[in-house]
Amino acid sequence: MSLRPTINLLRRQLSSQQIKRHGSSFKASDLTVDITTRPHQKPDEPEKCLFGKHFTDHMFLVEWTRQHGWGVPQIKPVQNLSIHPATSCLHYAIQLFEGMKGYRTVDNRIAMFRPEHNMDRMLRTAKRAALPEFDKEEFLKCISELIRVDQEWVPDSTKASLYIRPTFISMEPTLGVNVPNSALLYTLLCPVGPYFETGSFEPVSLMADPKYIRAFPGGVGVYKLGSNYGPTINVQQEAQKRGCQQVLWLYGEDHEITEVGTMNLFVYWINEQGEKELITMPLDSGIILPGVTRTSLLELAHQWDEFKVTEARFTMSDVKKALNENRLIEMFGAGTACVVCPVNKILYVDEELHIPTMDTGAELSRRFLNVLNDIQYGRIEHDWSYTVMDLPEQSLGSLKI
């Protein structure tokens, strides 16, 4: 079934004399579209697509210079970038990104999940990286148009999705540590299956070693900068050598629990006052990323009003005490890539701690996952679902469940 839009309506050619420049932001109404003449073969089983390994046919990009402001936004075939070897994104990590997802829903739409939150976070990060502002609504319109152009790549499956990677880099060709005078904003799309090779809801084990620190107060751990991720790869390899799949990042002399891998972390337990409580690290700590999935889980928990919901610092000693007193019920990570991921083991320095998440069926984390999936795939109507486009009528059974 072909859902490709009429190309002639999208394609517009502008000569160099016609190029418009905007100081504060580019405009989606100026978007030009160049459709590839050599489309790639789409995966037959998107559920098996490894994260970030398969790319769609097209990308979005727009240039910025301090002298002229924003240029004309473009959609064109995915291609290599040409940059000077002194470009400051390579030398000083003046680079940031976002992570979002698109879904082919059972109610005949292509939709994104709360993308306005990603746009807000991207603007905050851009300011911290000394990169220019843009109009988030215009950028969201451009991303939506990119998805419409590559709509056939959005998986026909409720076990796969379209990963969306907006990226913002300095293009300043200088070895000086300066505010960039030129930049590039672009977006890639990838069909993806489950983030972990073990599956979409299989528990993971964590290595927690206090000698490794991800972020600190006053630093940039609250921003989605590439420089927060590269230095974690070696520690991730250490975790794998020690039989774990992810890293549980600790902070401070009392080993506060912060994040897990690239996810926010939640603990569901009976607190010392005898109350059922969902707890996660607060944003005012200045060391965790304000995740969109994190926000969504907290909002759902408040709406249900079935247990106490707390954003507060807690430590590995608190977790060990709760385990020894049989008060810890579940532990799980939450993020765009994996959505909700249960935890079943922590290797704390040299001590192995069994986390009983799966012992009782991971009821809360599974409930969170099911509700978010229902919203994302259109099984329930919700204002967190951002419609990119409506699709022709199809049977509800046509999606691979």
Protein backbone atom coordinates (compact mmCIF):
# COMPACT_ATOMS: atom_id res chain seq x y z
CA MET A 1 0.00 0.00 0.00
CA SER A 2 1.56 3.31 -1.08
CA LEU A 3 0.91 6.31 1.14
CA ARG A 4 3.53 8.61 -0.43
CA PRO A 5 2.21 12.18 -0.88
CA THR A 6 2.03 13.78 -4.27
CA ILE A 7 5.60 14.78 -4.89
CA ASN A 8 4.85 17.64 -7.22
CA LEU A 9 2.92 19.42 -4.49
CA LEU A 10 5.88 19.16 -2.12
CA ARG A 11 8.78 19.98 -4.45
CA ARG A 12 9.82 23.61 -4.75
CA GLN A 13 13.03 24.87 -6.27
CA LEU A 14 14.45 28.21 -5.14
CA SER A 15 17.30 30.01 -6.87
CA SER A 16 20.00 31.67 -4.79
CA GLN A 17 18.36 35.03 -5.48
CA GLN A 18 15.09 33.78 -3.95
CA ILE A 19 16.54 32.51 -0.66
CA LYS A 20 14.86 34.09 2.33
CA ARG A 21 16.58 34.70 5.63
CA HIS A 22 14.90 34.86 9.02
CA GLY A 23 16.54 36.29 12.10
CA SER A 24 14.60 34.60 14.88
CA SER A 25 13.61 31.33 13.19
CA PHE A 26 13.13 29.47 9.95
CA LYS A 27 9.56 28.98 8.72
CA ALA A 28 7.91 25.71 7.73
CA SER A 29 6.11 27.59 4.92
CA ASP A 30 9.53 28.07 3.23
CA LEU A 31 10.34 24.36 3.32
CA THR A 32 11.78 22.91 0.12
CA VAL A 33 11.57 19.20 -0.64
CA ASP A 34 13.90 17.16 -2.84
CA ILE A 35 12.66 13.57 -3.18
CA THR A 36 15.21 10.83 -3.70
CA THR A 37 15.29 9.00 -7.03
CA ARG A 38 16.98 6.01 -5.36
CA PRO A 39 14.81 4.91 -2.41
CA HIS A 40 16.15 2.21 -0.13
CA GLN A 41 14.41 -1.06 0.59
CA LYS A 42 12.32 -0.88 3.72
CA PRO A 43 12.74 -3.58 6.39
CA ASP A 44 10.31 -6.50 6.14
CA GLU A 45 10.42 -7.01 9.91
CA PRO A 46 10.84 -3.61 11.61
CA GLU A 47 10.51 -5.31 15.00
CA LYS A 48 14.01 -6.69 14.38
CA CYS A 49 15.57 -3.35 13.45
CA LEU A 50 18.44 -2.61 15.83
CA PHE A 51 18.26 0.82 17.42
CA GLY A 52 19.74 3.53 15.20
CA LYS A 53 21.10 1.21 12.50
CA HIS A 54 18.55 1.71 9.69
CA PHE A 55 17.76 5.15 8.25
CA THR A 56 14.89 6.36 6.11
CA ASP A 57 15.40 7.96 2.70
CA HIS A 58 15.24 11.63 3.70
CA MET A 59 16.53 14.09 6.29
CA PHE A 60 15.64 17.63 7.35
CA LEU A 61 18.26 20.36 7.66
CA VAL A 62 18.52 24.12 7.97
CA GLU A 63 21.59 26.32 8.31
CA TRP A 64 22.12 29.33 10.57
CA THR A 65 24.73 32.09 10.58
CA ARG A 66 25.05 35.00 12.97
CA GLN A 67 25.29 37.37 10.01
CA HIS A 68 22.20 36.22 8.12
CA GLY A 69 20.14 34.28 10.66
CA TRP A 70 18.24 31.16 9.60
CA GLY A 71 18.32 29.98 6.00
CA VAL A 72 15.74 28.02 4.05
CA PRO A 73 14.67 24.72 5.68
CA GLN A 74 15.11 21.69 3.43
CA ILE A 75 14.10 18.06 3.14
CA LYS A 76 16.53 16.13 0.99
CA PRO A 77 17.90 12.60 0.56
CA VAL A 78 20.04 11.41 3.48
CA GLN A 79 23.62 12.34 2.70
CA ASN A 80 26.96 12.96 4.34
CA LEU A 81 27.74 16.34 5.84
CA SER A 82 30.72 18.32 4.63
CA ILE A 83 32.51 20.13 7.46
CA HIS A 84 35.86 21.79 8.01
CA PRO A 85 38.26 19.71 10.15
CA ALA A 86 38.44 22.58 12.66
CA THR A 87 34.66 22.71 13.15
CA SER A 88 34.06 23.36 16.84
CA CYS A 89 31.43 20.62 17.25
CA LEU A 90 34.29 18.16 16.71
CA HIS A 91 36.74 19.82 19.08
CA TYR A 92 34.59 21.25 21.86
CA ALA A 93 31.44 19.11 21.75
CA ILE A 94 29.16 22.03 20.82
CA GLN A 95 26.47 19.55 19.89
CA LEU A 96 23.10 18.44 21.20
CA PHE A 97 20.25 16.17 20.21
CA GLU A 98 16.76 15.00 21.06
CA GLY A 99 15.06 11.63 20.98
CA MET A 100 11.42 11.24 19.95
CA LYS A 101 9.22 8.57 18.39
CA GLY A 102 6.52 8.34 15.75
CA TYR A 103 3.85 5.63 15.61
CA ARG A 104 1.43 4.19 13.09
CA THR A 105 -1.70 3.99 15.22
CA VAL A 106 -4.59 1.56 15.21
CA ASP A 107 -6.97 4.50 14.67
CA ASN A 108 -5.45 5.32 11.26
CA ARG A 109 -2.97 8.05 12.09
CA ILE A 110 0.75 8.67 12.26
CA ALA A 111 1.43 10.33 15.58
CA MET A 112 4.24 11.49 17.87
CA PHE A 113 4.27 11.30 21.66
CA ARG A 114 4.37 14.67 23.44
CA PRO A 115 6.92 16.21 21.02
CA GLU A 116 6.37 19.71 22.39
CA HIS A 117 8.22 18.62 25.54
CA ASN A 118 11.21 17.58 23.44
CA MET A 119 11.17 20.94 21.69
CA ASP A 120 11.17 22.77 25.03
CA ARG A 121 14.07 20.67 26.28
CA MET A 122 15.99 21.18 23.04
CA LEU A 123 15.67 24.95 23.34
CA ARG A 124 16.92 24.84 26.94
CA THR A 125 19.88 22.74 25.87
CA ALA A 126 20.62 25.01 22.89
CA LYS A 127 20.83 27.99 25.23
CA ARG A 128 23.29 26.13 27.49
CA ALA A 129 25.40 25.23 24.43
CA ALA A 130 25.40 28.84 23.13
CA LEU A 131 23.51 27.78 20.00
CA PRO A 132 20.75 29.97 18.52
CA GLU A 133 17.06 29.85 19.29
CA PHE A 134 14.38 28.69 16.86
CA ASP A 135 10.59 28.60 16.84
CA LYS A 136 9.70 25.20 18.30
CA GLU A 137 6.31 25.09 16.56
CA GLU A 138 7.92 25.77 13.16
CA PHE A 139 10.52 23.05 13.79
CA LEU A 140 7.80 20.61 14.79
CA LYS A 141 5.94 21.37 11.56
CA CYS A 142 9.12 20.64 9.58
CA ILE A 143 9.68 17.34 11.41
CA SER A 144 6.05 16.42 10.72
CA GLU A 145 6.58 17.13 7.02
CA LEU A 146 9.70 14.94 7.01
CA ILE A 147 7.67 12.10 8.52
CA ARG A 148 4.94 12.61 5.92
CA VAL A 149 7.53 12.36 3.14
CA ASP A 150 8.92 9.13 4.65
CA GLN A 151 5.60 7.84 5.96
CA GLU A 152 6.05 4.41 4.37
CA TRP A 153 8.95 3.87 6.78
CA VAL A 154 6.72 4.17 9.84
CA PRO A 155 6.39 0.52 10.93
CA ASP A 156 3.08 -1.30 10.46
CA SER A 157 3.53 -2.82 13.89
CA THR A 158 2.70 -2.09 17.51
CA LYS A 159 6.05 -3.62 18.47
CA ALA A 160 8.11 -1.13 16.48
CA SER A 161 8.20 2.61 15.92
CA LEU A 162 9.96 5.41 14.06
CA TYR A 163 12.78 6.95 16.08
CA ILE A 164 13.25 10.68 15.44
CA ARG A 165 16.65 12.26 16.07
CA PRO A 166 16.77 16.09 15.88
CA THR A 167 20.40 17.23 16.10
CA PHE A 168 21.98 20.67 16.49
CA ILE A 169 25.71 21.29 15.92
CA SER A 170 28.12 24.18 15.70
CA MET A 171 29.58 24.63 12.22
CA GLU A 172 32.13 27.26 13.22
CA PRO A 173 35.52 26.40 11.60
CA THR A 174 37.77 27.56 14.44
CA LEU A 175 40.00 26.15 17.15
CA GLY A 176 39.08 28.99 19.45
CA VAL A 177 36.69 28.29 22.31
CA ASN A 178 34.09 30.81 21.20
CA VAL A 179 30.36 31.29 20.69
CA PRO A 180 29.50 29.72 17.30
CA ASN A 181 28.83 32.03 14.37
CA SER A 182 27.35 29.25 12.27
CA ALA A 183 25.30 26.14 13.05
CA LEU A 184 23.32 23.32 11.48
CA LEU A 185 20.01 21.89 12.69
CA TYR A 186 19.02 18.56 11.16
CA THR A 187 16.83 15.51 11.77
CA LEU A 188 17.17 11.82 10.90
CA LEU A 189 14.54 9.07 11.10
CA CYS A 190 15.07 5.39 11.97
CA PRO A 191 12.62 2.49 12.13
CA VAL A 192 13.37 0.67 15.40
CA GLY A 193 12.31 -2.41 17.30
CA PRO A 194 12.88 -2.91 21.06
CA TYR A 195 15.86 -0.98 22.43
CA PHE A 196 17.34 -3.96 24.26
CA GLU A 197 18.14 -7.13 22.35
CA THR A 198 16.55 -9.11 25.19
CA GLY A 199 13.11 -7.74 24.21
CA SER A 200 10.66 -4.96 25.03
CA PHE A 201 9.90 -5.91 28.65
CA GLU A 202 12.72 -8.10 29.83
CA PRO A 203 14.46 -7.13 33.09
CA VAL A 204 17.99 -5.72 33.05
CA SER A 205 20.84 -5.97 35.55
CA LEU A 206 22.76 -2.90 36.70
CA MET A 207 26.31 -2.18 37.78
CA ALA A 208 26.46 0.48 40.52
CA ASP A 209 30.00 1.60 41.26
CA PRO A 210 30.44 4.96 43.06
CA LYS A 211 33.84 5.58 41.48
CA TYR A 212 32.01 6.45 38.24
CA ILE A 213 30.02 9.71 38.19
CA ARG A 214 27.77 10.82 35.32
CA ALA A 215 26.94 14.38 36.40
CA PHE A 216 27.20 16.86 39.26
CA PRO A 217 25.26 19.91 40.52
CA GLY A 218 25.90 22.99 38.40
CA GLY A 219 27.08 20.86 35.49
CA VAL A 220 25.26 19.87 32.30
CA GLY A 221 23.63 16.58 33.33
CA VAL A 222 20.21 18.21 33.00
CA TYR A 223 20.78 18.90 29.28
CA LYS A 224 20.70 16.52 26.33
CA LEU A 225 24.23 17.17 25.16
CA GLY A 226 26.24 14.56 23.31
CA SER A 227 29.10 15.21 25.73
CA ASN A 228 27.04 13.55 28.48
CA TYR A 229 26.92 10.27 26.59
CA GLY A 230 30.29 9.60 24.98
CA PRO A 231 32.19 9.29 28.29
CA THR A 232 29.70 6.67 29.53
CA ILE A 233 30.51 4.11 26.84
CA ASN A 234 33.65 2.80 28.52
CA VAL A 235 31.77 2.40 31.83
CA GLN A 236 28.99 0.56 29.98
CA GLN A 237 31.62 -1.85 28.65
CA GLU A 238 32.88 -2.35 32.21
CA ALA A 239 29.33 -3.20 33.29
CA GLN A 240 29.04 -5.79 30.53
CA LYS A 241 32.35 -7.37 31.51
CA ARG A 242 30.95 -7.74 35.02
CA GLY A 243 27.79 -9.44 33.78
CA CYS A 244 25.45 -6.41 33.79
CA GLN A 245 23.56 -4.74 30.99
CA GLN A 246 23.39 -1.14 32.20
CA VAL A 247 25.06 1.30 34.59
CA LEU A 248 23.29 2.66 37.66
CA TRP A 249 24.82 6.08 38.17
CA LEU A 250 25.46 7.09 41.78
CA TYR A 251 26.44 10.46 43.20
CA GLY A 252 28.00 11.75 46.41
CA GLU A 253 29.47 10.21 49.53
CA ASP A 254 26.13 8.59 50.43
CA HIS A 255 25.72 7.11 46.93
CA GLU A 256 22.54 8.83 45.83
CA ILE A 257 20.70 7.02 43.03
CA THR A 258 20.41 9.20 39.91
CA GLU A 259 19.89 7.58 36.48
CA VAL A 260 20.26 4.18 34.89
CA GLY A 261 22.01 4.03 31.52
CA THR A 262 20.17 6.63 29.44
CA MET A 263 16.97 6.34 31.51
CA ASN A 264 15.44 7.93 34.56
CA LEU A 265 15.03 5.52 37.48
CA PHE A 266 11.98 4.79 39.64
CA VAL A 267 11.57 2.73 42.80
CA TYR A 268 8.20 1.47 44.02
CA TRP A 269 8.33 0.43 47.66
CA ILE A 270 6.66 0.57 51.05
CA ASN A 271 8.35 3.50 52.74
CA GLU A 272 9.41 3.58 56.38
CA GLN A 273 6.05 5.09 57.31
CA GLY A 274 4.28 2.03 55.90
CA GLU A 275 2.95 3.79 52.76
CA LYS A 276 3.19 2.51 49.21
CA GLU A 277 5.34 5.06 47.42
CA LEU A 278 6.78 5.70 43.96
CA ILE A 279 10.03 7.64 44.28
CA THR A 280 12.46 9.15 41.78
CA MET A 281 15.32 11.65 41.92
CA PRO A 282 14.10 15.29 41.83
CA LEU A 283 14.96 17.66 39.01
CA ASP A 284 16.25 20.29 41.44
CA SER A 285 19.23 18.04 42.10
CA GLY A 286 20.67 19.41 38.87
CA ILE A 287 22.13 16.05 37.85
CA ILE A 288 19.36 14.16 36.03
CA LEU A 289 17.76 14.67 32.65
CA PRO A 290 14.11 15.82 32.72
CA GLY A 291 12.78 12.90 30.68
CA VAL A 292 9.49 13.12 28.80
CA THR A 293 8.64 9.55 29.83
CA ARG A 294 9.59 10.42 33.42
CA THR A 295 7.15 13.35 33.40
CA SER A 296 4.43 11.16 31.89
CA LEU A 297 4.78 8.44 34.54
CA LEU A 298 4.64 10.97 37.35
CA GLU A 299 1.54 12.60 35.86
CA LEU A 300 -0.18 9.23 35.45
CA ALA A 301 0.66 8.24 39.03
CA HIS A 302 -0.77 11.50 40.36
CA GLN A 303 -3.93 10.98 38.28
CA TRP A 304 -4.41 7.45 39.64
CA ASP A 305 -3.93 8.69 43.22
CA GLU A 306 -3.43 5.13 44.49
CA PHE A 307 -0.05 5.56 46.22
CA LYS A 308 2.30 8.29 47.34
CA VAL A 309 4.34 9.93 44.57
CA THR A 310 7.62 11.49 45.65
CA GLU A 311 10.47 13.30 43.94
CA ALA A 312 13.27 13.13 46.50
CA ARG A 313 16.86 12.06 46.96
CA PHE A 314 17.39 8.47 48.05
CA THR A 315 20.48 6.32 48.37
CA MET A 316 21.77 2.81 47.91
CA SER A 317 21.60 2.44 51.69
CA ASP A 318 17.87 3.18 51.49
CA VAL A 319 17.46 0.55 48.79
CA LYS A 320 19.43 -2.07 50.73
CA LYS A 321 17.44 -1.36 53.89
CA ALA A 322 14.16 -1.70 51.98
CA LEU A 323 15.36 -5.00 50.48
CA ASN A 324 16.39 -6.38 53.87
CA GLU A 325 12.98 -5.43 55.31
CA ASN A 326 11.09 -6.84 52.28
CA ARG A 327 9.67 -3.40 51.47
CA LEU A 328 11.02 -2.94 47.93
CA ILE A 329 8.44 -3.97 45.34
CA GLU A 330 9.74 -2.81 41.94
CA MET A 331 12.54 -0.85 40.31
CA PHE A 332 12.43 0.26 36.68
CA GLY A 333 13.93 2.67 34.18
CA ALA A 334 11.95 4.99 31.93
CA GLY A 335 12.95 6.67 28.67
CA THR A 336 11.99 7.28 25.06
CA ALA A 337 14.02 4.41 23.65
CA CYS A 338 12.86 1.64 25.99
CA VAL A 339 9.68 3.33 27.40
CA VAL A 340 9.62 1.29 30.67
CA CYS A 341 12.26 -1.29 31.57
CA PRO A 342 12.20 -3.46 34.74
CA VAL A 343 15.32 -4.05 36.86
CA ASN A 344 16.03 -7.40 38.51
CA LYS A 345 19.61 -7.14 39.80
CA ILE A 346 22.14 -4.57 41.02
CA LEU A 347 25.84 -5.31 41.33
CA TYR A 348 26.69 -2.74 44.02
CA VAL A 349 30.49 -2.56 44.06
CA ASP A 350 31.00 -6.33 44.68
CA GLU A 351 27.65 -7.14 46.31
CA GLU A 352 24.86 -8.65 44.21
CA LEU A 353 21.40 -7.42 45.15
CA HIS A 354 18.30 -9.21 43.90
CA ILE A 355 15.54 -6.74 42.98
CA PRO A 356 12.10 -8.45 43.20
CA THR A 357 10.51 -6.54 40.31
CA MET A 358 9.57 -9.64 38.34
CA ASP A 359 8.73 -11.83 41.34
CA THR A 360 5.17 -10.51 41.49
CA GLY A 361 4.79 -9.81 37.78
CA ALA A 362 6.11 -6.23 37.69
CA GLU A 363 2.54 -5.01 38.03
CA LEU A 364 3.17 -1.27 38.25
CA SER A 365 5.89 -0.98 35.61
CA ARG A 366 3.87 -3.20 33.26
CA ARG A 367 0.81 -1.04 33.88
CA PHE A 368 2.77 2.12 33.06
CA LEU A 369 4.10 0.52 29.87
CA ASN A 370 0.66 -0.65 28.76
CA VAL A 371 -0.95 2.75 29.29
CA LEU A 372 1.80 4.60 27.43
CA ASN A 373 1.69 2.08 24.58
CA ASP A 374 -2.10 2.44 24.38
CA ILE A 375 -1.69 6.20 23.99
CA GLN A 376 1.22 5.95 21.56
CA TYR A 377 -0.46 3.42 19.28
CA GLY A 378 -3.89 5.07 19.44
CA ARG A 379 -5.76 2.39 21.35
CA ILE A 380 -7.04 5.13 23.64
CA GLU A 381 -7.62 8.76 22.76
CA HIS A 382 -5.34 11.15 24.65
CA ASP A 383 -4.00 14.68 24.25
CA TRP A 384 -0.44 13.37 24.64
CA SER A 385 -0.72 11.98 21.11
CA TYR A 386 0.32 14.56 18.50
CA THR A 387 -1.19 13.77 15.11
CA VAL A 388 1.23 14.12 12.21
CA MET A 389 -1.27 12.97 9.61
CA ASP A 390 -4.47 11.00 9.18
CA LEU A 391 -4.26 7.86 7.07
CA PRO A 392 -6.82 6.24 4.75
CA GLU A 393 -9.26 3.93 6.48
CA GLN A 394 -7.83 0.51 7.19
CA SER A 395 -8.92 -2.43 9.23
CA LEU A 396 -7.79 -2.30 12.83
CA GLY A 397 -6.31 -5.73 12.37
CA SER A 398 -3.88 -4.65 9.66
CA LEU A 399 -1.19 -3.66 12.16
CA LYS A 400 1.12 -6.38 13.43
CA ILE A 401 0.22 -6.72 17.08
